[in-house]
């Protein structure tokens, strides 16, 4: 099994919202489990239902991960 966890630099480079799949990777959850938790409103951090998709605000993800909200963000790669 491959370690699919995210580095701190990858986390800090995330945009304002991410997919449930990306949030699942950051939290060490499987994608199917994460979507099931989102559907049941049991995901570990806030999830927004936008149209037909789910989005996770990165600020809420950072709180669950115990990261300080004031940490400098790394600009995304071009």
PDB file of N, CA and C in Angstrom:
ATOM      1  N   UNK A   1       0.846  -1.191   0.000  1.00  0.00           N
ATOM      2  CA  UNK A   1       0.000   0.000   0.000  1.00  0.00           C
ATOM      3  C   UNK A   1       0.884   1.244   0.000  1.00  0.00           C
ATOM      4  N   UNK A   2       0.554   2.220  -0.803  1.00  0.00           N
ATOM      5  CA  UNK A   2       1.332   3.440  -0.926  1.00  0.00           C
ATOM      6  C   UNK A   2       0.886   4.468   0.091  1.00  0.00           C
ATOM      7  N   UNK A   3       1.872   5.165   0.675  1.00  0.00           N
ATOM      8  CA  UNK A   3       1.545   6.251   1.588  1.00  0.00           C
ATOM      9  C   UNK A   3       1.092   7.433   0.740  1.00  0.00           C
ATOM     10  N   UNK A   4      -0.168   7.809   0.882  1.00  0.00           N
ATOM     11  CA  UNK A   4      -0.756   8.864   0.065  1.00  0.00           C
ATOM     12  C   UNK A   4      -0.978  10.137   0.876  1.00  0.00           C
ATOM     13  N   UNK A   5      -0.291  10.253   2.029  1.00  0.00           N
ATOM     14  CA  UNK A   5      -0.506  11.416   2.882  1.00  0.00           C
ATOM     15  C   UNK A   5       0.078  12.675   2.239  1.00  0.00           C
ATOM     16  N   UNK A   6      -0.357  13.805   2.732  1.00  0.00           N
ATOM     17  CA  UNK A   6       0.087  15.086   2.190  1.00  0.00           C
ATOM     18  C   UNK A   6       1.177  15.671   3.080  1.00  0.00           C
ATOM     19  N   UNK A   7       2.147  16.330   2.441  1.00  0.00           N
ATOM     20  CA  UNK A   7       3.191  17.020   3.199  1.00  0.00           C
ATOM     21  C   UNK A   7       2.635  18.343   3.710  1.00  0.00           C
ATOM     22  N   UNK A   8       3.327  18.929   4.674  1.00  0.00           N
ATOM     23  CA  UNK A   8       2.922  20.233   5.205  1.00  0.00           C
ATOM     24  C   UNK A   8       2.910  21.279   4.082  1.00  0.00           C
ATOM     25  N   UNK A   9       3.906  21.233   3.205  1.00  0.00           N
ATOM     26  CA  UNK A   9       3.961  22.188   2.086  1.00  0.00           C
ATOM     27  C   UNK A   9       2.757  22.021   1.169  1.00  0.00           C
ATOM     28  N   UNK A  10       2.360  20.780   0.899  1.00  0.00           N
ATOM     29  CA  UNK A  10       1.177  20.537   0.063  1.00  0.00           C
ATOM     30  C   UNK A  10      -0.077  21.076   0.742  1.00  0.00           C
ATOM     31  N   UNK A  11      -0.188  20.846   2.045  1.00  0.00           N
ATOM     32  CA  UNK A  11      -1.346  21.357   2.782  1.00  0.00           C
ATOM     33  C   UNK A  11      -1.418  22.877   2.715  1.00  0.00           C
ATOM     34  N   UNK A  12      -0.289  23.527   2.927  1.00  0.00           N
ATOM     35  CA  UNK A  12      -0.275  24.990   2.937  1.00  0.00           C
ATOM     36  C   UNK A  12      -0.518  25.594   1.555  1.00  0.00           C
ATOM     37  N   UNK A  13      -0.331  24.793   0.513  1.00  0.00           N
ATOM     38  CA  UNK A  13      -0.550  25.279  -0.852  1.00  0.00           C
ATOM     39  C   UNK A  13      -1.986  25.065  -1.334  1.00  0.00           C
ATOM     40  N   UNK A  14      -2.833  24.476  -0.492  1.00  0.00           N
ATOM     41  CA  UNK A  14      -4.211  24.203  -0.907  1.00  0.00           C
ATOM     42  C   UNK A  14      -4.992  25.499  -1.132  1.00  0.00           C
ATOM     43  N   UNK A  15      -5.935  25.476  -2.077  1.00  0.00           N
ATOM     44  CA  UNK A  15      -6.788  26.652  -2.296  1.00  0.00           C
ATOM     45  C   UNK A  15      -7.798  26.809  -1.154  1.00  0.00           C
ATOM     46  N   UNK A  16      -8.646  27.790  -1.232  1.00  0.00           N
ATOM     47  CA  UNK A  16      -9.601  28.124  -0.175  1.00  0.00           C
ATOM     48  C   UNK A  16     -10.578  26.973   0.106  1.00  0.00           C
ATOM     49  N   UNK A  17     -11.007  26.269  -0.924  1.00  0.00           N
ATOM     50  CA  UNK A  17     -11.825  25.069  -0.737  1.00  0.00           C
ATOM     51  C   UNK A  17     -11.205  23.935  -1.537  1.00  0.00           C
ATOM     52  N   UNK A  18     -11.448  22.714  -1.079  1.00  0.00           N
ATOM     53  CA  UNK A  18     -10.918  21.536  -1.763  1.00  0.00           C
ATOM     54  C   UNK A  18     -12.032  20.498  -1.906  1.00  0.00           C
ATOM     55  N   UNK A  19     -11.797  19.523  -2.736  1.00  0.00           N
ATOM     56  CA  UNK A  19     -12.758  18.427  -2.894  1.00  0.00           C
ATOM     57  C   UNK A  19     -12.741  17.551  -1.653  1.00  0.00           C
ATOM     58  N   UNK A  20     -13.772  16.756  -1.485  1.00  0.00           N
ATOM     59  CA  UNK A  20     -13.816  15.811  -0.375  1.00  0.00           C
ATOM     60  C   UNK A  20     -12.668  14.811  -0.515  1.00  0.00           C
ATOM     61  N   UNK A  21     -12.344  14.432  -1.738  1.00  0.00           N
ATOM     62  CA  UNK A  21     -11.231  13.502  -1.962  1.00  0.00           C
ATOM     63  C   UNK A  21      -9.905  14.058  -1.478  1.00  0.00           C
ATOM     64  N   UNK A  22      -9.656  15.337  -1.752  1.00  0.00           N
ATOM     65  CA  UNK A  22      -8.419  15.976  -1.294  1.00  0.00           C
ATOM     66  C   UNK A  22      -8.406  16.083   0.221  1.00  0.00           C
ATOM     67  N   UNK A  23      -9.531  16.481   0.810  1.00  0.00           N
ATOM     68  CA  UNK A  23      -9.625  16.572   2.271  1.00  0.00           C
ATOM     69  C   UNK A  23      -9.422  15.198   2.896  1.00  0.00           C
ATOM     70  N   UNK A  24      -9.976  14.171   2.265  1.00  0.00           N
ATOM     71  CA  UNK A  24      -9.810  12.806   2.770  1.00  0.00           C
ATOM     72  C   UNK A  24      -8.337  12.423   2.789  1.00  0.00           C
ATOM     73  N   UNK A  25      -7.632  12.755   1.729  1.00  0.00           N
ATOM     74  CA  UNK A  25      -6.197  12.450   1.657  1.00  0.00           C
ATOM     75  C   UNK A  25      -5.447  13.153   2.785  1.00  0.00           C
ATOM     76  N   UNK A  26      -5.787  14.423   3.036  1.00  0.00           N
ATOM     77  CA  UNK A  26      -5.129  15.184   4.102  1.00  0.00           C
ATOM     78  C   UNK A  26      -5.406  14.561   5.470  1.00  0.00           C
ATOM     79  N   UNK A  27      -6.596  13.987   5.632  1.00  0.00           N
ATOM     80  CA  UNK A  27      -6.997  13.404   6.916  1.00  0.00           C
ATOM     81  C   UNK A  27      -6.642  11.924   7.054  1.00  0.00           C
ATOM     82  N   UNK A  28      -6.145  11.333   5.969  1.00  0.00           N
ATOM     83  CA  UNK A  28      -5.808   9.915   6.015  1.00  0.00           C
ATOM     84  C   UNK A  28      -7.015   9.008   5.910  1.00  0.00           C
ATOM     85  N   UNK A  29      -8.083   9.503   5.297  1.00  0.00           N
ATOM     86  CA  UNK A  29      -9.306   8.727   5.094  1.00  0.00           C
ATOM     87  C   UNK A  29      -9.356   8.200   3.671  1.00  0.00           C
ATOM     88  N   UNK A  30     -10.044   7.098   3.481  1.00  0.00           N
ATOM     89  CA  UNK A  30     -10.292   6.609   2.138  1.00  0.00           C
ATOM     90  C   UNK A  30     -11.330   7.480   1.453  1.00  0.00           C
ATOM     91  N   UNK A  31     -11.249   7.572   0.155  1.00  0.00           N
ATOM     92  CA  UNK A  31     -12.154   8.425  -0.613  1.00  0.00           C
ATOM     93  C   UNK A  31     -13.620   8.007  -0.458  1.00  0.00           C
ATOM     94  N   UNK A  32     -13.903   6.721  -0.564  1.00  0.00           N
ATOM     95  CA  UNK A  32     -15.287   6.239  -0.433  1.00  0.00           C
ATOM     96  C   UNK A  32     -15.842   6.535   0.949  1.00  0.00           C
ATOM     97  N   UNK A  33     -15.035   6.280   1.965  1.00  0.00           N
ATOM     98  CA  UNK A  33     -15.453   6.565   3.342  1.00  0.00           C
ATOM     99  C   UNK A  33     -15.732   8.051   3.514  1.00  0.00           C
ATOM    100  N   UNK A  34     -14.865   8.884   2.967  1.00  0.00           N
ATOM    101  CA  UNK A  34     -15.024  10.338   3.098  1.00  0.00           C
ATOM    102  C   UNK A  34     -16.329  10.810   2.466  1.00  0.00           C
ATOM    103  N   UNK A  35     -16.640  10.326   1.264  1.00  0.00           N
ATOM    104  CA  UNK A  35     -17.881  10.744   0.613  1.00  0.00           C
ATOM    105  C   UNK A  35     -19.104  10.241   1.374  1.00  0.00           C
ATOM    106  N   UNK A  36     -19.010   9.035   1.921  1.00  0.00           N
ATOM    107  CA  UNK A  36     -20.121   8.511   2.716  1.00  0.00           C
ATOM    108  C   UNK A  36     -20.322   9.373   3.969  1.00  0.00           C
ATOM    109  N   UNK A  37     -19.240   9.752   4.646  1.00  0.00           N
ATOM    110  CA  UNK A  37     -19.341  10.632   5.819  1.00  0.00           C
ATOM    111  C   UNK A  37     -19.935  11.984   5.434  1.00  0.00           C
ATOM    112  N   UNK A  38     -19.526  12.520   4.284  1.00  0.00           N
ATOM    113  CA  UNK A  38     -20.066  13.809   3.819  1.00  0.00           C
ATOM    114  C   UNK A  38     -21.565  13.699   3.559  1.00  0.00           C
ATOM    115  N   UNK A  39     -21.990  12.617   2.932  1.00  0.00           N
ATOM    116  CA  UNK A  39     -23.415  12.407   2.656  1.00  0.00           C
ATOM    117  C   UNK A  39     -24.236  12.322   3.940  1.00  0.00           C
ATOM    118  N   UNK A  40     -23.649  11.732   4.977  1.00  0.00           N
ATOM    119  CA  UNK A  40     -24.353  11.584   6.264  1.00  0.00           C
ATOM    120  C   UNK A  40     -24.135  12.766   7.211  1.00  0.00           C
ATOM    121  N   UNK A  41     -23.501  13.837   6.730  1.00  0.00           N
ATOM    122  CA  UNK A  41     -23.154  15.004   7.565  1.00  0.00           C
ATOM    123  C   UNK A  41     -22.320  14.607   8.768  1.00  0.00           C
ATOM    124  N   UNK A  42     -21.401  13.661   8.586  1.00  0.00           N
ATOM    125  CA  UNK A  42     -20.539  13.191   9.668  1.00  0.00           C
ATOM    126  C   UNK A  42     -19.058  13.386   9.355  1.00  0.00           C
ATOM    127  N   UNK A  43     -18.752  14.162   8.317  1.00  0.00           N
ATOM    128  CA  UNK A  43     -17.359  14.411   7.971  1.00  0.00           C
ATOM    129  C   UNK A  43     -16.709  15.192   9.114  1.00  0.00           C
ATOM    130  N   UNK A  44     -15.426  14.956   9.400  1.00  0.00           N
ATOM    131  CA  UNK A  44     -14.791  15.583  10.570  1.00  0.00           C
ATOM    132  C   UNK A  44     -14.669  17.114  10.532  1.00  0.00           C
ATOM    133  N   UNK A  45     -14.900  17.720   9.389  1.00  0.00           N
ATOM    134  CA  UNK A  45     -14.865  19.188   9.309  1.00  0.00           C
ATOM    135  C   UNK A  45     -16.032  19.646   8.422  1.00  0.00           C
ATOM    136  N   UNK A  46     -16.321  20.939   8.407  1.00  0.00           N
ATOM    137  CA  UNK A  46     -17.458  21.431   7.617  1.00  0.00           C
ATOM    138  C   UNK A  46     -17.343  21.069   6.134  1.00  0.00           C
ATOM    139  N   UNK A  47     -18.481  20.736   5.547  1.00  0.00           N
ATOM    140  CA  UNK A  47     -18.559  20.420   4.119  1.00  0.00           C
ATOM    141  C   UNK A  47     -19.685  21.245   3.523  1.00  0.00           C
ATOM    142  N   UNK A  48     -19.408  21.899   2.404  1.00  0.00           N
ATOM    143  CA  UNK A  48     -20.412  22.684   1.699  1.00  0.00           C
ATOM    144  C   UNK A  48     -20.949  21.854   0.537  1.00  0.00           C
ATOM    145  N   UNK A  49     -22.261  21.852   0.363  1.00  0.00           N
ATOM    146  CA  UNK A  49     -22.872  21.190  -0.789  1.00  0.00           C
ATOM    147  C   UNK A  49     -23.160  22.283  -1.811  1.00  0.00           C
ATOM    148  N   UNK A  50     -22.396  22.275  -2.898  1.00  0.00           N
ATOM    149  CA  UNK A  50     -22.516  23.307  -3.928  1.00  0.00           C
ATOM    150  C   UNK A  50     -22.946  22.631  -5.219  1.00  0.00           C
ATOM    151  N   UNK A  51     -24.182  22.918  -5.616  1.00  0.00           N
ATOM    152  CA  UNK A  51     -24.709  22.245  -6.806  1.00  0.00           C
ATOM    153  C   UNK A  51     -24.743  20.751  -6.554  1.00  0.00           C
ATOM    154  N   UNK A  52     -24.097  19.994  -7.406  1.00  0.00           N
ATOM    155  CA  UNK A  52     -24.044  18.550  -7.245  1.00  0.00           C
ATOM    156  C   UNK A  52     -22.753  18.053  -6.632  1.00  0.00           C
ATOM    157  N   UNK A  53     -21.955  18.963  -6.071  1.00  0.00           N
ATOM    158  CA  UNK A  53     -20.673  18.529  -5.515  1.00  0.00           C
ATOM    159  C   UNK A  53     -20.490  19.004  -4.080  1.00  0.00           C
ATOM    160  N   UNK A  54     -19.517  18.409  -3.436  1.00  0.00           N
ATOM    161  CA  UNK A  54     -19.158  18.781  -2.070  1.00  0.00           C
ATOM    162  C   UNK A  54     -17.823  19.521  -2.095  1.00  0.00           C
ATOM    163  N   UNK A  55     -17.712  20.580  -1.288  1.00  0.00           N
ATOM    164  CA  UNK A  55     -16.451  21.319  -1.146  1.00  0.00           C
ATOM    165  C   UNK A  55     -16.146  21.453   0.343  1.00  0.00           C
ATOM    166  N   UNK A  56     -14.882  21.352   0.676  1.00  0.00           N
ATOM    167  CA  UNK A  56     -14.441  21.461   2.063  1.00  0.00           C
ATOM    168  C   UNK A  56     -13.614  22.736   2.208  1.00  0.00           C
ATOM    169  N   UNK A  57     -14.052  23.689   3.045  1.00  0.00           N
ATOM    170  CA  UNK A  57     -13.244  24.887   3.288  1.00  0.00           C
ATOM    171  C   UNK A  57     -11.918  24.494   3.946  1.00  0.00           C
ATOM    172  N   UNK A  58     -10.836  24.979   3.390  1.00  0.00           N
ATOM    173  CA  UNK A  58      -9.508  24.629   3.880  1.00  0.00           C
ATOM    174  C   UNK A  58      -9.306  25.076   5.325  1.00  0.00           C
ATOM    175  N   UNK A  59      -9.888  26.200   5.719  1.00  0.00           N
ATOM    176  CA  UNK A  59      -9.746  26.676   7.099  1.00  0.00           C
ATOM    177  C   UNK A  59     -10.274  25.635   8.088  1.00  0.00           C
ATOM    178  N   UNK A  60     -11.413  25.021   7.785  1.00  0.00           N
ATOM    179  CA  UNK A  60     -11.970  23.986   8.648  1.00  0.00           C
ATOM    180  C   UNK A  60     -11.096  22.743   8.673  1.00  0.00           C
ATOM    181  N   UNK A  61     -10.534  22.400   7.530  1.00  0.00           N
ATOM    182  CA  UNK A  61      -9.622  21.265   7.439  1.00  0.00           C
ATOM    183  C   UNK A  61      -8.392  21.515   8.306  1.00  0.00           C
ATOM    184  N   UNK A  62      -7.844  22.733   8.218  1.00  0.00           N
ATOM    185  CA  UNK A  62      -6.675  23.085   9.025  1.00  0.00           C
ATOM    186  C   UNK A  62      -6.988  22.988  10.521  1.00  0.00           C
ATOM    187  N   UNK A  63      -8.169  23.428  10.920  1.00  0.00           N
ATOM    188  CA  UNK A  63      -8.547  23.340  12.344  1.00  0.00           C
ATOM    189  C   UNK A  63      -8.548  21.893  12.817  1.00  0.00           C
ATOM    190  N   UNK A  64      -9.134  21.010  12.009  1.00  0.00           N
ATOM    191  CA  UNK A  64      -9.188  19.587  12.376  1.00  0.00           C
ATOM    192  C   UNK A  64      -7.779  19.002  12.458  1.00  0.00           C
ATOM    193  N   UNK A  65      -6.889  19.475  11.607  1.00  0.00           N
ATOM    194  CA  UNK A  65      -5.515  18.988  11.598  1.00  0.00           C
ATOM    195  C   UNK A  65      -4.641  19.650  12.667  1.00  0.00           C
ATOM    196  N   UNK A  66      -5.202  20.638  13.380  1.00  0.00           N
ATOM    197  CA  UNK A  66      -4.444  21.324  14.425  1.00  0.00           C
ATOM    198  C   UNK A  66      -3.430  22.309  13.901  1.00  0.00           C
ATOM    199  N   UNK A  67      -3.649  22.805  12.693  1.00  0.00           N
ATOM    200  CA  UNK A  67      -2.731  23.777  12.098  1.00  0.00           C
ATOM    201  C   UNK A  67      -3.206  25.182  12.428  1.00  0.00           C
ATOM    202  N   UNK A  68      -2.282  26.050  12.689  1.00  0.00           N
ATOM    203  CA  UNK A  68      -2.607  27.442  12.983  1.00  0.00           C
ATOM    204  C   UNK A  68      -3.117  28.125  11.724  1.00  0.00           C
ATOM    205  N   UNK A  69      -4.201  28.869  11.864  1.00  0.00           N
ATOM    206  CA  UNK A  69      -4.792  29.536  10.694  1.00  0.00           C
ATOM    207  C   UNK A  69      -3.914  30.670  10.181  1.00  0.00           C
ATOM    208  N   UNK A  70      -3.015  31.193  11.005  1.00  0.00           N
ATOM    209  CA  UNK A  70      -2.167  32.308  10.588  1.00  0.00           C
ATOM    210  C   UNK A  70      -0.866  31.895   9.931  1.00  0.00           C
ATOM    211  N   UNK A  71      -0.678  30.591   9.695  1.00  0.00           N
ATOM    212  CA  UNK A  71       0.565  30.149   9.074  1.00  0.00           C
ATOM    213  C   UNK A  71       0.657  30.691   7.651  1.00  0.00           C
ATOM    214  N   UNK A  72       1.855  31.046   7.233  1.00  0.00           N
ATOM    215  CA  UNK A  72       1.996  31.549   5.856  1.00  0.00           C
ATOM    216  C   UNK A  72       1.631  30.482   4.848  1.00  0.00           C
ATOM    217  N   UNK A  73       0.952  30.907   3.799  1.00  0.00           N
ATOM    218  CA  UNK A  73       0.549  29.984   2.739  1.00  0.00           C
ATOM    219  C   UNK A  73       1.584  29.992   1.638  1.00  0.00           C
ATOM    220  N   UNK A  74       1.808  28.852   1.053  1.00  0.00           N
ATOM    221  CA  UNK A  74       2.723  28.712  -0.062  1.00  0.00           C
ATOM    222  C   UNK A  74       1.940  28.939  -1.337  1.00  0.00           C
ATOM    223  N   UNK A  75       2.416  29.820  -2.234  1.00  0.00           N
ATOM    224  CA  UNK A  75       1.669  30.040  -3.473  1.00  0.00           C
ATOM    225  C   UNK A  75       1.592  28.756  -4.300  1.00  0.00           C
ATOM    226  N   UNK A  76       0.449  28.522  -4.961  1.00  0.00           N
ATOM    227  CA  UNK A  76       0.336  27.300  -5.781  1.00  0.00           C
ATOM    228  C   UNK A  76       1.328  27.307  -6.924  1.00  0.00           C
ATOM    229  N   UNK A  77       1.727  26.092  -7.339  1.00  0.00           N
ATOM    230  CA  UNK A  77       2.656  25.975  -8.474  1.00  0.00           C
ATOM    231  C   UNK A  77       1.923  26.298  -9.761  1.00  0.00           C
ATOM    232  N   UNK A  78       2.650  26.905 -10.679  1.00  0.00           N
ATOM    233  CA  UNK A  78       2.061  27.262 -11.978  1.00  0.00           C
ATOM    234  C   UNK A  78       1.917  26.076 -12.870  1.00  0.00           C
TER     235      UNK A  78
END
